[in-house]
Amino acid sequence: DFKSAPLTPITSPAVRGERIIVVEKPAALKVGQSIEV
């Protein structure tokens, strides 16, 4: 089971090839964490 559950919406567009995303709830995330976009 991936235990996939929503953490935060992404609030700004981004383009394929970029590595920066802008999120609504940064406090829900931490450095080193594995995530699904």
PDB file of all heavy atoms in Angstrom:
ATOM      1  N   ASP A   1       0.874  -1.178   0.000  1.00  0.00           N
ATOM      2  CA  ASP A   1       0.000   0.000   0.000  1.00  0.00           C
ATOM      3  C   ASP A   1       0.908   1.225   0.000  1.00  0.00           C
ATOM      4  O   ASP A   1       1.843   1.309   0.803  1.00  0.00           O
ATOM      5  CB  ASP A   1      -0.876  -0.020   1.252  1.00  0.00           C
ATOM      6  CG  ASP A   1      -1.904   1.100   1.283  1.00  0.00           C
ATOM      7  OD1 ASP A   1      -1.793   2.055   0.476  1.00  0.00           O
ATOM      8  OD2 ASP A   1      -2.818   1.049   2.135  1.00  0.00           O
ATOM      9  N   PHE A   2       0.642   2.160  -0.885  1.00  0.00           N
ATOM     10  CA  PHE A   2       1.456   3.374  -0.939  1.00  0.00           C
ATOM     11  C   PHE A   2       1.085   4.366   0.162  1.00  0.00           C
ATOM     12  O   PHE A   2       1.795   5.338   0.390  1.00  0.00           O
ATOM     13  CB  PHE A   2       1.291   4.068  -2.290  1.00  0.00           C
ATOM     14  CG  PHE A   2       1.995   3.392  -3.424  1.00  0.00           C
ATOM     15  CD1 PHE A   2       1.567   3.565  -4.727  1.00  0.00           C
ATOM     16  CD2 PHE A   2       3.089   2.575  -3.199  1.00  0.00           C
ATOM     17  CE1 PHE A   2       2.222   2.949  -5.779  1.00  0.00           C
ATOM     18  CE2 PHE A   2       3.747   1.956  -4.241  1.00  0.00           C
ATOM     19  CZ  PHE A   2       3.305   2.141  -5.537  1.00  0.00           C
ATOM     20  N   LYS A   3      -0.032   4.145   0.840  1.00  0.00           N
ATOM     21  CA  LYS A   3      -0.547   5.103   1.828  1.00  0.00           C
ATOM     22  C   LYS A   3      -0.581   6.510   1.236  1.00  0.00           C
ATOM     23  O   LYS A   3      -0.181   7.496   1.867  1.00  0.00           O
ATOM     24  CB  LYS A   3       0.297   5.064   3.107  1.00  0.00           C
ATOM     25  CG  LYS A   3       0.159   3.749   3.863  1.00  0.00           C
ATOM     26  CD  LYS A   3       0.761   3.826   5.260  1.00  0.00           C
ATOM     27  CE  LYS A   3       0.461   2.574   6.045  1.00  0.00           C
ATOM     28  NZ  LYS A   3       1.000   2.636   7.425  1.00  0.00           N
ATOM     29  N   SER A   4      -1.073   6.567   0.011  1.00  0.00           N
ATOM     30  CA  SER A   4      -1.141   7.838  -0.699  1.00  0.00           C
ATOM     31  C   SER A   4      -2.329   8.640  -0.204  1.00  0.00           C
ATOM     32  O   SER A   4      -3.476   8.212  -0.301  1.00  0.00           O
ATOM     33  CB  SER A   4      -1.273   7.574  -2.206  1.00  0.00           C
ATOM     34  OG  SER A   4      -1.365   8.766  -2.927  1.00  0.00           O
ATOM     35  N   ALA A   5      -2.043   9.798   0.356  1.00  0.00           N
ATOM     36  CA  ALA A   5      -3.089  10.699   0.854  1.00  0.00           C
ATOM     37  C   ALA A   5      -2.679  12.128   0.539  1.00  0.00           C
ATOM     38  O   ALA A   5      -1.487  12.460   0.577  1.00  0.00           O
ATOM     39  CB  ALA A   5      -3.274  10.518   2.363  1.00  0.00           C
ATOM     40  N   PRO A   6      -3.619  13.004   0.213  1.00  0.00           N
ATOM     41  CA  PRO A   6      -3.269  14.392  -0.124  1.00  0.00           C
ATOM     42  C   PRO A   6      -2.572  15.103   1.030  1.00  0.00           C
ATOM     43  O   PRO A   6      -2.985  14.995   2.188  1.00  0.00           O
ATOM     44  CB  PRO A   6      -4.628  15.029  -0.426  1.00  0.00           C
ATOM     45  CG  PRO A   6      -5.539  13.898  -0.736  1.00  0.00           C
ATOM     46  CD  PRO A   6      -5.069  12.753   0.099  1.00  0.00           C
ATOM     47  N   LEU A   7      -1.494  15.821   0.711  1.00  0.00           N
ATOM     48  CA  LEU A   7      -0.778  16.628   1.697  1.00  0.00           C
ATOM     49  C   LEU A   7      -0.995  18.118   1.480  1.00  0.00           C
ATOM     50  O   LEU A   7      -1.197  18.860   2.445  1.00  0.00           O
ATOM     51  CB  LEU A   7       0.721  16.305   1.659  1.00  0.00           C
ATOM     52  CG  LEU A   7       1.131  14.879   2.042  1.00  0.00           C
ATOM     53  CD1 LEU A   7       2.634  14.701   1.893  1.00  0.00           C
ATOM     54  CD2 LEU A   7       0.695  14.564   3.474  1.00  0.00           C
ATOM     55  N   THR A   8      -0.898  18.543   0.231  1.00  0.00           N
ATOM     56  CA  THR A   8      -1.095  19.963  -0.058  1.00  0.00           C
ATOM     57  C   THR A   8      -1.358  20.175  -1.545  1.00  0.00           C
ATOM     58  O   THR A   8      -0.750  19.503  -2.384  1.00  0.00           O
ATOM     59  CB  THR A   8       0.130  20.794   0.359  1.00  0.00           C
ATOM     60  OG1 THR A   8      -0.073  22.164  -0.039  1.00  0.00           O
ATOM     61  CG2 THR A   8       1.398  20.301  -0.295  1.00  0.00           C
ATOM     62  N   PRO A   9      -2.252  21.123  -1.874  1.00  0.00           N
ATOM     63  CA  PRO A   9      -2.380  21.508  -3.276  1.00  0.00           C
ATOM     64  C   PRO A   9      -1.127  22.240  -3.754  1.00  0.00           C
ATOM     65  O   PRO A   9      -0.389  22.832  -2.963  1.00  0.00           O
ATOM     66  CB  PRO A   9      -3.601  22.451  -3.280  1.00  0.00           C
ATOM     67  CG  PRO A   9      -4.325  22.187  -2.003  1.00  0.00           C
ATOM     68  CD  PRO A   9      -3.264  21.776  -1.023  1.00  0.00           C
ATOM     69  N   ILE A  10      -0.870  22.173  -5.047  1.00  0.00           N
ATOM     70  CA  ILE A  10       0.174  22.969  -5.695  1.00  0.00           C
ATOM     71  C   ILE A  10      -0.512  24.191  -6.297  1.00  0.00           C
ATOM     72  O   ILE A  10      -1.481  24.065  -7.043  1.00  0.00           O
ATOM     73  CB  ILE A  10       0.904  22.143  -6.766  1.00  0.00           C
ATOM     74  CG1 ILE A  10       1.606  20.943  -6.092  1.00  0.00           C
ATOM     75  CG2 ILE A  10       1.911  22.987  -7.527  1.00  0.00           C
ATOM     76  CD1 ILE A  10       2.206  19.960  -7.061  1.00  0.00           C
ATOM     77  N   THR A  11      -0.018  25.369  -5.971  1.00  0.00           N
ATOM     78  CA  THR A  11      -0.778  26.588  -6.235  1.00  0.00           C
ATOM     79  C   THR A  11      -0.345  27.370  -7.467  1.00  0.00           C
ATOM     80  O   THR A  11      -1.042  28.293  -7.880  1.00  0.00           O
ATOM     81  CB  THR A  11      -0.715  27.518  -5.011  1.00  0.00           C
ATOM     82  OG1 THR A  11       0.663  27.802  -4.706  1.00  0.00           O
ATOM     83  CG2 THR A  11      -1.377  26.864  -3.805  1.00  0.00           C
ATOM     84  N   SER A  12       0.813  27.029  -8.051  1.00  0.00           N
ATOM     85  CA  SER A  12       1.291  27.761  -9.224  1.00  0.00           C
ATOM     86  C   SER A  12       1.622  26.791 -10.351  1.00  0.00           C
ATOM     87  O   SER A  12       2.079  25.683 -10.092  1.00  0.00           O
ATOM     88  CB  SER A  12       2.536  28.593  -8.895  1.00  0.00           C
ATOM     89  OG  SER A  12       2.215  29.638  -8.006  1.00  0.00           O
ATOM     90  N   PRO A  13       1.410  27.219 -11.586  1.00  0.00           N
ATOM     91  CA  PRO A  13       1.776  26.347 -12.712  1.00  0.00           C
ATOM     92  C   PRO A  13       3.281  26.099 -12.748  1.00  0.00           C
ATOM     93  O   PRO A  13       4.078  26.876 -12.229  1.00  0.00           O
ATOM     94  CB  PRO A  13       1.313  27.147 -13.940  1.00  0.00           C
ATOM     95  CG  PRO A  13       0.336  28.150 -13.420  1.00  0.00           C
ATOM     96  CD  PRO A  13       0.786  28.474 -12.036  1.00  0.00           C
ATOM     97  N   ALA A  14       3.653  25.009 -13.367  1.00  0.00           N
ATOM     98  CA  ALA A  14       5.068  24.682 -13.610  1.00  0.00           C
ATOM     99  C   ALA A  14       5.142  23.940 -14.931  1.00  0.00           C
ATOM    100  O   ALA A  14       4.154  23.386 -15.419  1.00  0.00           O
ATOM    101  CB  ALA A  14       5.637  23.847 -12.476  1.00  0.00           C
ATOM    102  N   VAL A  15       6.343  23.923 -15.487  1.00  0.00           N
ATOM    103  CA  VAL A  15       6.548  23.343 -16.801  1.00  0.00           C
ATOM    104  C   VAL A  15       7.402  22.095 -16.677  1.00  0.00           C
ATOM    105  O   VAL A  15       8.316  22.030 -15.837  1.00  0.00           O
ATOM    106  CB  VAL A  15       7.210  24.369 -17.751  1.00  0.00           C
ATOM    107  CG1 VAL A  15       7.524  23.744 -19.102  1.00  0.00           C
ATOM    108  CG2 VAL A  15       6.309  25.587 -17.922  1.00  0.00           C
ATOM    109  N   ARG A  16       7.112  21.110 -17.482  1.00  0.00           N
ATOM    110  CA  ARG A  16       7.910  19.892 -17.541  1.00  0.00           C
ATOM    111  C   ARG A  16       9.399  20.242 -17.637  1.00  0.00           C
ATOM    112  O   ARG A  16       9.810  21.076 -18.413  1.00  0.00           O
ATOM    113  CB  ARG A  16       7.482  19.069 -18.760  1.00  0.00           C
ATOM    114  CG  ARG A  16       8.320  17.842 -19.023  1.00  0.00           C
ATOM    115  CD  ARG A  16       7.789  17.064 -20.225  1.00  0.00           C
ATOM    116  NE  ARG A  16       8.733  16.037 -20.626  1.00  0.00           N
ATOM    117  CZ  ARG A  16       9.679  16.189 -21.528  1.00  0.00           C
ATOM    118  NH1 ARG A  16       9.795  17.339 -22.187  1.00  0.00           N
ATOM    119  NH2 ARG A  16      10.505  15.200 -21.804  1.00  0.00           N
ATOM    120  N   GLY A  17      10.223  19.589 -16.818  1.00  0.00           N
ATOM    121  CA  GLY A  17      11.654  19.872 -16.764  1.00  0.00           C
ATOM    122  C   GLY A  17      12.052  20.754 -15.603  1.00  0.00           C
ATOM    123  O   GLY A  17      13.228  20.814 -15.246  1.00  0.00           O
ATOM    124  N   GLU A  18      11.077  21.421 -14.971  1.00  0.00           N
ATOM    125  CA  GLU A  18      11.383  22.259 -13.807  1.00  0.00           C
ATOM    126  C   GLU A  18      11.436  21.414 -12.543  1.00  0.00           C
ATOM    127  O   GLU A  18      10.870  20.315 -12.471  1.00  0.00           O
ATOM    128  CB  GLU A  18      10.339  23.369 -13.656  1.00  0.00           C
ATOM    129  CG  GLU A  18      10.371  24.397 -14.782  1.00  0.00           C
ATOM    130  CD  GLU A  18       9.349  25.513 -14.581  1.00  0.00           C
ATOM    131  OE1 GLU A  18       8.503  25.393 -13.656  1.00  0.00           O
ATOM    132  OE2 GLU A  18       9.390  26.489 -15.344  1.00  0.00           O
ATOM    133  N   ARG A  19      12.079  21.949 -11.504  1.00  0.00           N
ATOM    134  CA  ARG A  19      12.230  21.218 -10.243  1.00  0.00           C
ATOM    135  C   ARG A  19      11.673  21.985  -9.054  1.00  0.00           C
ATOM    136  O   ARG A  19      11.786  21.528  -7.913  1.00  0.00           O
ATOM    137  CB  ARG A  19      13.703  20.887  -9.988  1.00  0.00           C
ATOM    138  CG  ARG A  19      14.289  19.888 -10.989  1.00  0.00           C
ATOM    139  CD  ARG A  19      15.775  19.695 -10.772  1.00  0.00           C
ATOM    140  NE  ARG A  19      16.074  19.351  -9.388  1.00  0.00           N
ATOM    141  CZ  ARG A  19      17.198  19.677  -8.759  1.00  0.00           C
ATOM    142  NH1 ARG A  19      18.128  20.389  -9.394  1.00  0.00           N
ATOM    143  NH2 ARG A  19      17.406  19.326  -7.517  1.00  0.00           N
ATOM    144  N   ILE A  20      11.064  23.125  -9.288  1.00  0.00           N
ATOM    145  CA  ILE A  20      10.490  23.934  -8.209  1.00  0.00           C
ATOM    146  C   ILE A  20       8.972  23.921  -8.328  1.00  0.00           C
ATOM    147  O   ILE A  20       8.415  24.171  -9.405  1.00  0.00           O
ATOM    148  CB  ILE A  20      10.989  25.388  -8.267  1.00  0.00           C
ATOM    149  CG1 ILE A  20      12.513  25.442  -8.161  1.00  0.00           C
ATOM    150  CG2 ILE A  20      10.335  26.223  -7.153  1.00  0.00           C
ATOM    151  CD1 ILE A  20      13.068  24.993  -6.826  1.00  0.00           C
ATOM    152  N   ILE A  21       8.301  23.609  -7.223  1.00  0.00           N
ATOM    153  CA  ILE A  21       6.850  23.725  -7.163  1.00  0.00           C
ATOM    154  C   ILE A  21       6.476  24.661  -6.019  1.00  0.00           C
ATOM    155  O   ILE A  21       7.238  24.828  -5.056  1.00  0.00           O
ATOM    156  CB  ILE A  21       6.176  22.351  -6.974  1.00  0.00           C
ATOM    157  CG1 ILE A  21       6.638  21.683  -5.663  1.00  0.00           C
ATOM    158  CG2 ILE A  21       6.459  21.449  -8.175  1.00  0.00           C
ATOM    159  CD1 ILE A  21       5.904  20.381  -5.349  1.00  0.00           C
ATOM    160  N   VAL A  22       5.335  25.281  -6.134  1.00  0.00           N
ATOM    161  CA  VAL A  22       4.827  26.199  -5.108  1.00  0.00           C
ATOM    162  C   VAL A  22       3.590  25.557  -4.487  1.00  0.00           C
ATOM    163  O   VAL A  22       2.658  25.169  -5.208  1.00  0.00           O
ATOM    164  CB  VAL A  22       4.477  27.574  -5.699  1.00  0.00           C
ATOM    165  CG1 VAL A  22       3.974  28.508  -4.608  1.00  0.00           C
ATOM    166  CG2 VAL A  22       5.692  28.180  -6.397  1.00  0.00           C
ATOM    167  N   VAL A  23       3.584  25.435  -3.163  1.00  0.00           N
ATOM    168  CA  VAL A  23       2.525  24.688  -2.489  1.00  0.00           C
ATOM    169  C   VAL A  23       1.753  25.578  -1.524  1.00  0.00           C
ATOM    170  O   VAL A  23       2.242  26.610  -1.060  1.00  0.00           O
ATOM    171  CB  VAL A  23       3.099  23.473  -1.734  1.00  0.00           C
ATOM    172  CG1 VAL A  23       3.835  22.548  -2.693  1.00  0.00           C
ATOM    173  CG2 VAL A  23       4.011  23.904  -0.598  1.00  0.00           C
ATOM    174  N   GLU A  24       0.556  25.139  -1.199  1.00  0.00           N
ATOM    175  CA  GLU A  24      -0.302  25.879  -0.272  1.00  0.00           C
ATOM    176  C   GLU A  24       0.090  25.653   1.175  1.00  0.00           C
ATOM    177  O   GLU A  24       0.025  26.565   2.013  1.00  0.00           O
ATOM    178  CB  GLU A  24      -1.757  25.449  -0.498  1.00  0.00           C
ATOM    179  CG  GLU A  24      -2.771  26.174   0.368  1.00  0.00           C
ATOM    180  CD  GLU A  24      -4.186  25.702   0.090  1.00  0.00           C
ATOM    181  OE1 GLU A  24      -4.699  25.976  -1.011  1.00  0.00           O
ATOM    182  OE2 GLU A  24      -4.775  25.042   0.975  1.00  0.00           O
ATOM    183  N   LYS A  25       0.527  24.443   1.513  1.00  0.00           N
ATOM    184  CA  LYS A  25       0.810  24.075   2.902  1.00  0.00           C
ATOM    185  C   LYS A  25       2.233  23.524   3.037  1.00  0.00           C
ATOM    186  O   LYS A  25       2.427  22.316   3.198  1.00  0.00           O
ATOM    187  CB  LYS A  25      -0.196  23.036   3.390  1.00  0.00           C
ATOM    188  CG  LYS A  25      -1.648  23.455   3.271  1.00  0.00           C
ATOM    189  CD  LYS A  25      -2.564  22.293   3.636  1.00  0.00           C
ATOM    190  CE  LYS A  25      -4.027  22.653   3.468  1.00  0.00           C
ATOM    191  NZ  LYS A  25      -4.923  21.499   3.749  1.00  0.00           N
ATOM    192  N   PRO A  26       3.228  24.388   3.008  1.00  0.00           N
ATOM    193  CA  PRO A  26       4.600  23.883   3.130  1.00  0.00           C
ATOM    194  C   PRO A  26       4.883  23.200   4.457  1.00  0.00           C
ATOM    195  O   PRO A  26       5.776  22.349   4.538  1.00  0.00           O
ATOM    196  CB  PRO A  26       5.454  25.144   2.943  1.00  0.00           C
ATOM    197  CG  PRO A  26       4.542  26.282   3.264  1.00  0.00           C
ATOM    198  CD  PRO A  26       3.175  25.857   2.846  1.00  0.00           C
ATOM    199  N   ALA A  27       4.131  23.550   5.493  1.00  0.00           N
ATOM    200  CA  ALA A  27       4.361  22.936   6.806  1.00  0.00           C
ATOM    201  C   ALA A  27       4.045  21.442   6.798  1.00  0.00           C
ATOM    202  O   ALA A  27       4.487  20.701   7.684  1.00  0.00           O
ATOM    203  CB  ALA A  27       3.514  23.636   7.866  1.00  0.00           C
ATOM    204  N   ALA A  28       3.295  20.973   5.787  1.00  0.00           N
ATOM    205  CA  ALA A  28       2.960  19.549   5.689  1.00  0.00           C
ATOM    206  C   ALA A  28       4.093  18.728   5.094  1.00  0.00           C
ATOM    207  O   ALA A  28       4.002  17.502   5.043  1.00  0.00           O
ATOM    208  CB  ALA A  28       1.702  19.369   4.850  1.00  0.00           C
ATOM    209  N   LEU A  29       5.177  19.408   4.677  1.00  0.00           N
ATOM    210  CA  LEU A  29       6.276  18.734   3.997  1.00  0.00           C
ATOM    211  C   LEU A  29       7.577  18.915   4.761  1.00  0.00           C
ATOM    212  O   LEU A  29       7.694  19.820   5.590  1.00  0.00           O
ATOM    213  CB  LEU A  29       6.433  19.297   2.577  1.00  0.00           C
ATOM    214  CG  LEU A  29       5.163  19.347   1.716  1.00  0.00           C
ATOM    215  CD1 LEU A  29       5.449  20.033   0.393  1.00  0.00           C
ATOM    216  CD2 LEU A  29       4.607  17.945   1.502  1.00  0.00           C
ATOM    217  N   LYS A  30       8.576  18.082   4.458  1.00  0.00           N
ATOM    218  CA  LYS A  30       9.880  18.227   5.081  1.00  0.00           C
ATOM    219  C   LYS A  30      10.965  17.782   4.113  1.00  0.00           C
ATOM    220  O   LYS A  30      10.745  16.953   3.215  1.00  0.00           O
ATOM    221  CB  LYS A  30       9.964  17.425   6.380  1.00  0.00           C
ATOM    222  CG  LYS A  30       9.762  15.938   6.215  1.00  0.00           C
ATOM    223  CD  LYS A  30       9.801  15.245   7.572  1.00  0.00           C
ATOM    224  CE  LYS A  30       9.586  13.731   7.404  1.00  0.00           C
ATOM    225  NZ  LYS A  30       9.592  13.033   8.728  1.00  0.00           N
ATOM    226  N   VAL A  31      12.145  18.330   4.281  1.00  0.00           N
ATOM    227  CA  VAL A  31      13.286  17.994   3.431  1.00  0.00           C
ATOM    228  C   VAL A  31      13.642  16.521   3.616  1.00  0.00           C
ATOM    229  O   VAL A  31      13.651  16.001   4.733  1.00  0.00           O
ATOM    230  CB  VAL A  31      14.491  18.895   3.764  1.00  0.00           C
ATOM    231  CG1 VAL A  31      15.727  18.440   3.002  1.00  0.00           C
ATOM    232  CG2 VAL A  31      14.175  20.347   3.436  1.00  0.00           C
ATOM    233  N   GLY A  32      13.918  15.841   2.506  1.00  0.00           N
ATOM    234  CA  GLY A  32      14.249  14.425   2.526  1.00  0.00           C
ATOM    235  C   GLY A  32      13.055  13.510   2.375  1.00  0.00           C
ATOM    236  O   GLY A  32      13.219  12.296   2.186  1.00  0.00           O
ATOM    237  N   GLN A  33      11.866  14.061   2.440  1.00  0.00           N
ATOM    238  CA  GLN A  33      10.648  13.266   2.346  1.00  0.00           C
ATOM    239  C   GLN A  33      10.409  12.800   0.910  1.00  0.00           C
ATOM    240  O   GLN A  33      10.616  13.549  -0.044  1.00  0.00           O
ATOM    241  CB  GLN A  33       9.466  14.118   2.820  1.00  0.00           C
ATOM    242  CG  GLN A  33       8.109  13.452   2.774  1.00  0.00           C
ATOM    243  CD  GLN A  33       7.016  14.406   3.264  1.00  0.00           C
ATOM    244  OE1 GLN A  33       7.258  15.596   3.494  1.00  0.00           O
ATOM    245  NE2 GLN A  33       5.815  13.877   3.421  1.00  0.00           N
ATOM    246  N   SER A  34       9.958  11.563   0.755  1.00  0.00           N
ATOM    247  CA  SER A  34       9.515  11.069  -0.552  1.00  0.00           C
ATOM    248  C   SER A  34       8.049  11.436  -0.741  1.00  0.00           C
ATOM    249  O   SER A  34       7.221  11.240   0.164  1.00  0.00           O
ATOM    250  CB  SER A  34       9.676   9.553  -0.645  1.00  0.00           C
ATOM    251  OG  SER A  34      11.039   9.197  -0.668  1.00  0.00           O
ATOM    252  N   ILE A  35       7.736  11.968  -1.903  1.00  0.00           N
ATOM    253  CA  ILE A  35       6.377  12.427  -2.175  1.00  0.00           C
ATOM    254  C   ILE A  35       5.946  11.978  -3.572  1.00  0.00           C
ATOM    255  O   ILE A  35       6.759  11.592  -4.407  1.00  0.00           O
ATOM    256  CB  ILE A  35       6.261  13.964  -2.092  1.00  0.00           C
ATOM    257  CG1 ILE A  35       7.232  14.622  -3.083  1.00  0.00           C
ATOM    258  CG2 ILE A  35       6.475  14.449  -0.665  1.00  0.00           C
ATOM    259  CD1 ILE A  35       7.014  16.127  -3.239  1.00  0.00           C
ATOM    260  N   GLU A  36       4.652  12.043  -3.796  1.00  0.00           N
ATOM    261  CA  GLU A  36       4.067  11.837  -5.112  1.00  0.00           C
ATOM    262  C   GLU A  36       3.491  13.162  -5.583  1.00  0.00           C
ATOM    263  O   GLU A  36       2.709  13.794  -4.869  1.00  0.00           O
ATOM    264  CB  GLU A  36       2.961  10.788  -5.051  1.00  0.00           C
ATOM    265  CG  GLU A  36       2.242  10.570  -6.369  1.00  0.00           C
ATOM    266  CD  GLU A  36       1.045   9.648  -6.252  1.00  0.00           C
ATOM    267  OE1 GLU A  36       0.705   9.231  -5.122  1.00  0.00           O
ATOM    268  OE2 GLU A  36       0.422   9.345  -7.292  1.00  0.00           O
ATOM    269  N   VAL A  37       3.893  13.602  -6.756  1.00  0.00           N
ATOM    270  CA  VAL A  37       3.302  14.775  -7.388  1.00  0.00           C
ATOM    271  C   VAL A  37       2.335  14.261  -8.445  1.00  0.00           C
ATOM    272  O   VAL A  37       2.743  13.555  -9.377  1.00  0.00           O
ATOM    273  CB  VAL A  37       4.373  15.685  -8.022  1.00  0.00           C
ATOM    274  CG1 VAL A  37       3.729  16.873  -8.720  1.00  0.00           C
ATOM    275  CG2 VAL A  37       5.362  16.157  -6.960  1.00  0.00           C
TER     276      VAL A  37
END
